[in-house]
N, C-alpha and C. Protein backbone atom coordinates (compact mmCIF):
# COMPACT_ATOMS: atom_id res chain seq x y z
N MET A 1 -52.77 -11.85 33.87
CA MET A 1 -52.22 -10.28 34.24
C MET A 1 -51.81 -9.50 33.79
N ALA A 2 -52.80 -8.41 33.99
CA ALA A 2 -53.02 -6.93 33.90
C ALA A 2 -51.14 -6.20 33.93
N ARG A 3 -50.92 -5.72 33.07
CA ARG A 3 -49.49 -5.77 32.38
C ARG A 3 -49.55 -3.93 33.28
N THR A 4 -48.28 -3.14 33.55
CA THR A 4 -47.92 -2.63 34.82
C THR A 4 -48.61 -1.11 33.83
N THR A 5 -48.43 -1.22 33.14
CA THR A 5 -49.22 0.36 32.40
C THR A 5 -50.39 0.45 32.04
N ASP A 6 -51.23 -0.66 31.81
CA ASP A 6 -52.73 -0.78 32.34
C ASP A 6 -53.27 -0.41 33.66
N LYS A 7 -52.49 -1.25 35.06
CA LYS A 7 -52.48 -1.03 35.77
C LYS A 7 -52.81 1.12 36.23
N LEU A 8 -51.75 1.06 35.53
CA LEU A 8 -50.81 3.02 35.90
C LEU A 8 -52.33 4.22 35.44
N LYS A 9 -53.17 3.18 34.36
CA LYS A 9 -53.94 3.62 33.53
C LYS A 9 -55.25 4.03 34.36
N ASN A 10 -54.97 3.01 35.28
CA ASN A 10 -56.87 2.78 36.05
C ASN A 10 -56.14 3.21 37.55
N PHE A 11 -55.13 3.17 37.77
CA PHE A 11 -55.10 3.52 39.52
C PHE A 11 -56.46 4.19 40.01
N GLU A 12 -56.14 5.27 39.71
CA GLU A 12 -57.40 6.15 40.26
C GLU A 12 -58.52 6.02 40.57
N SER A 13 -59.38 5.19 38.76
CA SER A 13 -60.85 4.67 39.28
C SER A 13 -60.04 2.81 39.86
N ASN A 14 -59.27 2.66 40.15
CA ASN A 14 -59.60 1.68 40.70
C ASN A 14 -59.49 1.91 42.20
N TYR A 15 -58.92 3.46 43.02
CA TYR A 15 -58.45 3.69 44.08
C TYR A 15 -59.80 4.12 44.37
N GLU A 16 -60.37 5.03 43.85
CA GLU A 16 -61.58 5.43 44.57
C GLU A 16 -62.61 4.20 44.48
N LYS A 17 -62.29 2.28 43.89
CA LYS A 17 -63.40 1.59 44.54
C LYS A 17 -62.36 1.05 45.11
N LEU A 18 -61.20 1.16 45.92
CA LEU A 18 -60.87 0.71 47.19
C LEU A 18 -61.21 1.10 48.40
N GLU A 19 -61.54 3.09 47.49
CA GLU A 19 -61.77 3.50 48.72
C GLU A 19 -63.72 3.69 49.21
N GLN A 20 -64.17 2.54 48.54
CA GLN A 20 -66.21 2.45 48.38
C GLN A 20 -65.85 1.31 48.72
N LEU A 21 -64.86 0.67 48.79
CA LEU A 21 -64.97 -0.96 49.14
C LEU A 21 -65.24 -1.38 50.52
N VAL A 22 -64.33 0.59 51.30
CA VAL A 22 -63.90 0.30 52.92
C VAL A 22 -64.86 1.18 53.61
N ARG A 23 -65.50 2.11 52.92
CA ARG A 23 -67.56 2.61 53.25
C ARG A 23 -68.46 1.32 53.37
N ASP A 24 -67.90 0.25 52.39
CA ASP A 24 -69.54 -0.66 52.83
C ASP A 24 -68.54 -1.77 53.57
N LEU A 25 -67.26 -2.14 53.45
CA LEU A 25 -67.39 -2.87 54.76
C LEU A 25 -67.88 -1.77 56.22
N GLU A 26 -67.22 -0.57 56.25
CA GLU A 26 -68.13 -0.16 57.29
C GLU A 26 -69.59 -0.57 57.94
N ALA A 27 -70.49 -1.07 56.74
CA ALA A 27 -71.50 -1.46 57.72
C ALA A 27 -72.47 -2.00 57.65
N PRO A 28 -72.61 -1.82 59.31
CA PRO A 28 -72.62 -2.51 59.96
C PRO A 28 -74.10 -4.03 60.11
N ASP A 29 -74.71 -4.03 59.04
CA ASP A 29 -75.83 -5.33 58.44
C ASP A 29 -75.19 -6.11 57.69
N LEU A 30 -73.42 -6.39 57.46
CA LEU A 30 -72.96 -7.08 56.38
C LEU A 30 -72.87 -8.39 56.77
N THR A 31 -73.60 -9.71 56.47
CA THR A 31 -72.98 -10.45 56.43
C THR A 31 -71.95 -11.00 56.82
N LEU A 32 -71.18 -12.76 57.52
CA LEU A 32 -70.00 -12.64 57.21
C LEU A 32 -69.44 -12.61 55.60
N LYS A 33 -70.80 -13.97 54.89
CA LYS A 33 -69.79 -14.17 53.34
C LYS A 33 -69.94 -12.68 53.39
N GLN A 34 -71.26 -11.38 52.95
CA GLN A 34 -70.99 -10.61 51.82
C GLN A 34 -69.71 -9.04 52.35
N SER A 35 -69.28 -9.56 53.94
CA SER A 35 -67.28 -9.08 54.24
C SER A 35 -66.55 -9.45 54.14
N LEU A 36 -66.41 -10.70 53.78
CA LEU A 36 -65.54 -11.64 53.24
C LEU A 36 -65.45 -10.63 51.51
N ASP A 37 -66.48 -10.97 50.91
CA ASP A 37 -66.60 -11.30 49.62
C ASP A 37 -65.60 -9.35 48.78
N LEU A 38 -66.65 -8.27 49.73
CA LEU A 38 -65.29 -7.41 49.81
C LEU A 38 -64.35 -6.86 49.57
N TYR A 39 -63.89 -8.02 50.95
CA TYR A 39 -62.54 -7.78 51.48
C TYR A 39 -61.77 -8.19 50.15
N GLU A 40 -62.57 -9.40 49.60
CA GLU A 40 -61.29 -10.26 48.90
C GLU A 40 -61.44 -9.39 47.82
N LYS A 41 -62.19 -8.03 47.57
CA LYS A 41 -61.58 -7.46 45.55
C LYS A 41 -61.15 -5.79 46.73
N ALA A 42 -61.59 -6.38 47.94
CA ALA A 42 -60.24 -4.42 48.14
C ALA A 42 -59.18 -5.54 48.24
N VAL A 43 -58.74 -6.63 48.58
CA VAL A 43 -57.00 -7.11 48.56
C VAL A 43 -56.57 -6.60 47.17
N LYS A 44 -56.97 -7.41 46.36
CA LYS A 44 -57.49 -6.95 44.92
C LYS A 44 -56.85 -6.08 44.09
N LEU A 45 -58.21 -5.03 43.79
CA LEU A 45 -57.44 -3.86 44.10
C LEU A 45 -56.37 -2.96 45.32
N SER A 46 -55.83 -3.10 46.19
CA SER A 46 -55.24 -3.06 46.23
C SER A 46 -53.71 -3.14 46.30
N LYS A 47 -53.61 -4.52 46.16
CA LYS A 47 -52.57 -4.34 44.85
C LYS A 47 -52.31 -4.43 44.13
N ASP A 48 -53.06 -3.84 43.12
CA ASP A 48 -53.41 -3.69 41.65
C ASP A 48 -52.35 -2.14 41.76
N CYS A 49 -52.43 -1.66 43.18
CA CYS A 49 -52.59 0.25 43.37
C CYS A 49 -51.06 0.96 44.06
N GLU A 50 -51.03 -0.71 44.99
CA GLU A 50 -49.71 -0.84 45.04
C GLU A 50 -48.63 -0.77 43.56
N ASP A 51 -48.94 -1.62 42.93
CA ASP A 51 -48.36 -2.18 42.30
C ASP A 51 -48.30 -0.97 40.88
N ALA A 52 -49.26 -0.49 40.96
CA ALA A 52 -49.07 1.13 40.09
C ALA A 52 -48.17 1.95 40.46
N LEU A 53 -48.43 2.14 41.73
CA LEU A 53 -46.56 2.88 42.95
C LEU A 53 -45.95 2.48 42.63
N GLU A 54 -45.38 1.14 43.12
CA GLU A 54 -44.35 0.25 42.37
C GLU A 54 -43.84 0.93 41.63
N TYR A 55 -44.00 0.42 40.20
CA TYR A 55 -43.72 1.68 38.79
C TYR A 55 -43.30 2.57 38.72
N ALA A 56 -44.03 3.71 39.34
CA ALA A 56 -44.19 5.06 39.08
C ALA A 56 -42.98 5.53 39.58
N ARG A 57 -42.76 4.84 41.69
CA ARG A 57 -41.68 4.71 41.96
C ARG A 57 -40.86 4.75 41.26
N GLN A 58 -40.21 3.29 40.91
CA GLN A 58 -38.81 2.96 40.21
C GLN A 58 -38.59 4.10 38.58
N LYS A 59 -40.04 4.36 38.37
CA LYS A 59 -39.27 5.07 37.01
C LYS A 59 -39.20 6.60 37.73
N ALA A 60 -39.71 6.67 38.30
CA ALA A 60 -39.15 8.91 38.87
C ALA A 60 -38.09 8.51 39.29
N ALA A 61 -37.27 6.72 39.78
CA ALA A 61 -36.02 6.76 40.56
C ALA A 61 -35.61 6.75 38.87
N ALA A 62 -35.43 6.39 38.24
CA ALA A 62 -34.94 6.08 36.87
C ALA A 62 -35.05 7.18 36.38
N MET A 63 -36.14 8.19 35.95
CA MET A 63 -36.08 9.23 35.53
C MET A 63 -34.36 9.97 36.36
N ALA A 64 -35.20 10.31 38.25
CA ALA A 64 -33.74 11.32 39.02
C ALA A 64 -32.45 11.08 38.42
N ASP A 65 -32.58 9.47 37.74
CA ASP A 65 -30.42 8.85 37.76
C ASP A 65 -30.06 9.49 36.08
N LYS A 66 -31.34 9.43 35.93
CA LYS A 66 -30.88 9.99 34.50
C LYS A 66 -30.86 11.96 34.34
N GLY A 67 -31.23 12.16 35.06
CA GLY A 67 -31.45 13.88 35.50
C GLY A 67 -32.17 13.93 34.33
N ASP A 68 -32.38 15.66 34.06
CA ASP A 68 -33.00 16.47 33.84
C ASP A 68 -33.57 15.58 32.28
N GLU A 69 -32.48 14.87 31.61
CA GLU A 69 -33.31 13.64 30.72
C GLU A 69 -34.59 12.99 30.52
N LYS A 70 -34.49 12.97 29.60
CA LYS A 70 -35.82 11.11 29.54
C LYS A 70 -35.24 10.44 29.39
N ALA A 71 -36.57 9.73 30.73
CA ALA A 71 -35.40 8.30 30.79
C ALA A 71 -36.04 7.76 29.40
N ASP A 72 -35.00 6.45 29.81
CA ASP A 72 -35.19 5.20 28.77
C ASP A 72 -35.51 4.12 28.96
N VAL A 73 -36.91 4.74 29.47
CA VAL A 73 -37.81 2.67 30.27
C VAL A 73 -38.62 2.65 29.45
N ALA A 74 -38.92 1.25 29.15
CA ALA A 74 -39.51 0.50 28.06
C ALA A 74 -40.69 0.93 29.60
N GLU A 75 -42.19 0.82 29.05
CA GLU A 75 -43.17 0.29 29.89
C GLU A 75 -43.25 -0.96 30.03
N GLY A 76 -43.08 -1.00 31.64
CA GLY A 76 -43.25 -2.69 31.80
C GLY A 76 -41.76 -3.98 31.76
N VAL A 77 -41.39 -2.69 32.14
CA VAL A 77 -39.86 -3.46 32.39
C VAL A 77 -39.57 -3.22 33.19
N LEU A 78 -40.21 -2.09 34.14
CA LEU A 78 -38.87 -2.55 35.58
C LEU A 78 -39.66 -3.81 36.80
N ASP A 79 -38.55 -3.93 36.86
CA ASP A 79 -38.48 -5.05 38.09
C ASP A 79 -39.55 -4.68 39.20
N LEU A 80 -40.59 -5.89 39.11
CA LEU A 80 -41.60 -5.10 40.50
C LEU A 80 -41.45 -6.38 41.53
């Protein structure tokens, strides 16, 4: 499993891939197997994106709790 910080670094790329998979899934000429394969990839990318967003939300909340000071949150340690 990739570390949360790695997922943060890859968020934009994963999101673009997810958008492409959604467009691919809309193609009318896909077989059932092709659709399922694409869907499986999309679910994994979606989970990776959600994990990255949740980490970012928690880190932002930790920083907000500290006020204007930099939050002392170790990378990948937040409870996901």
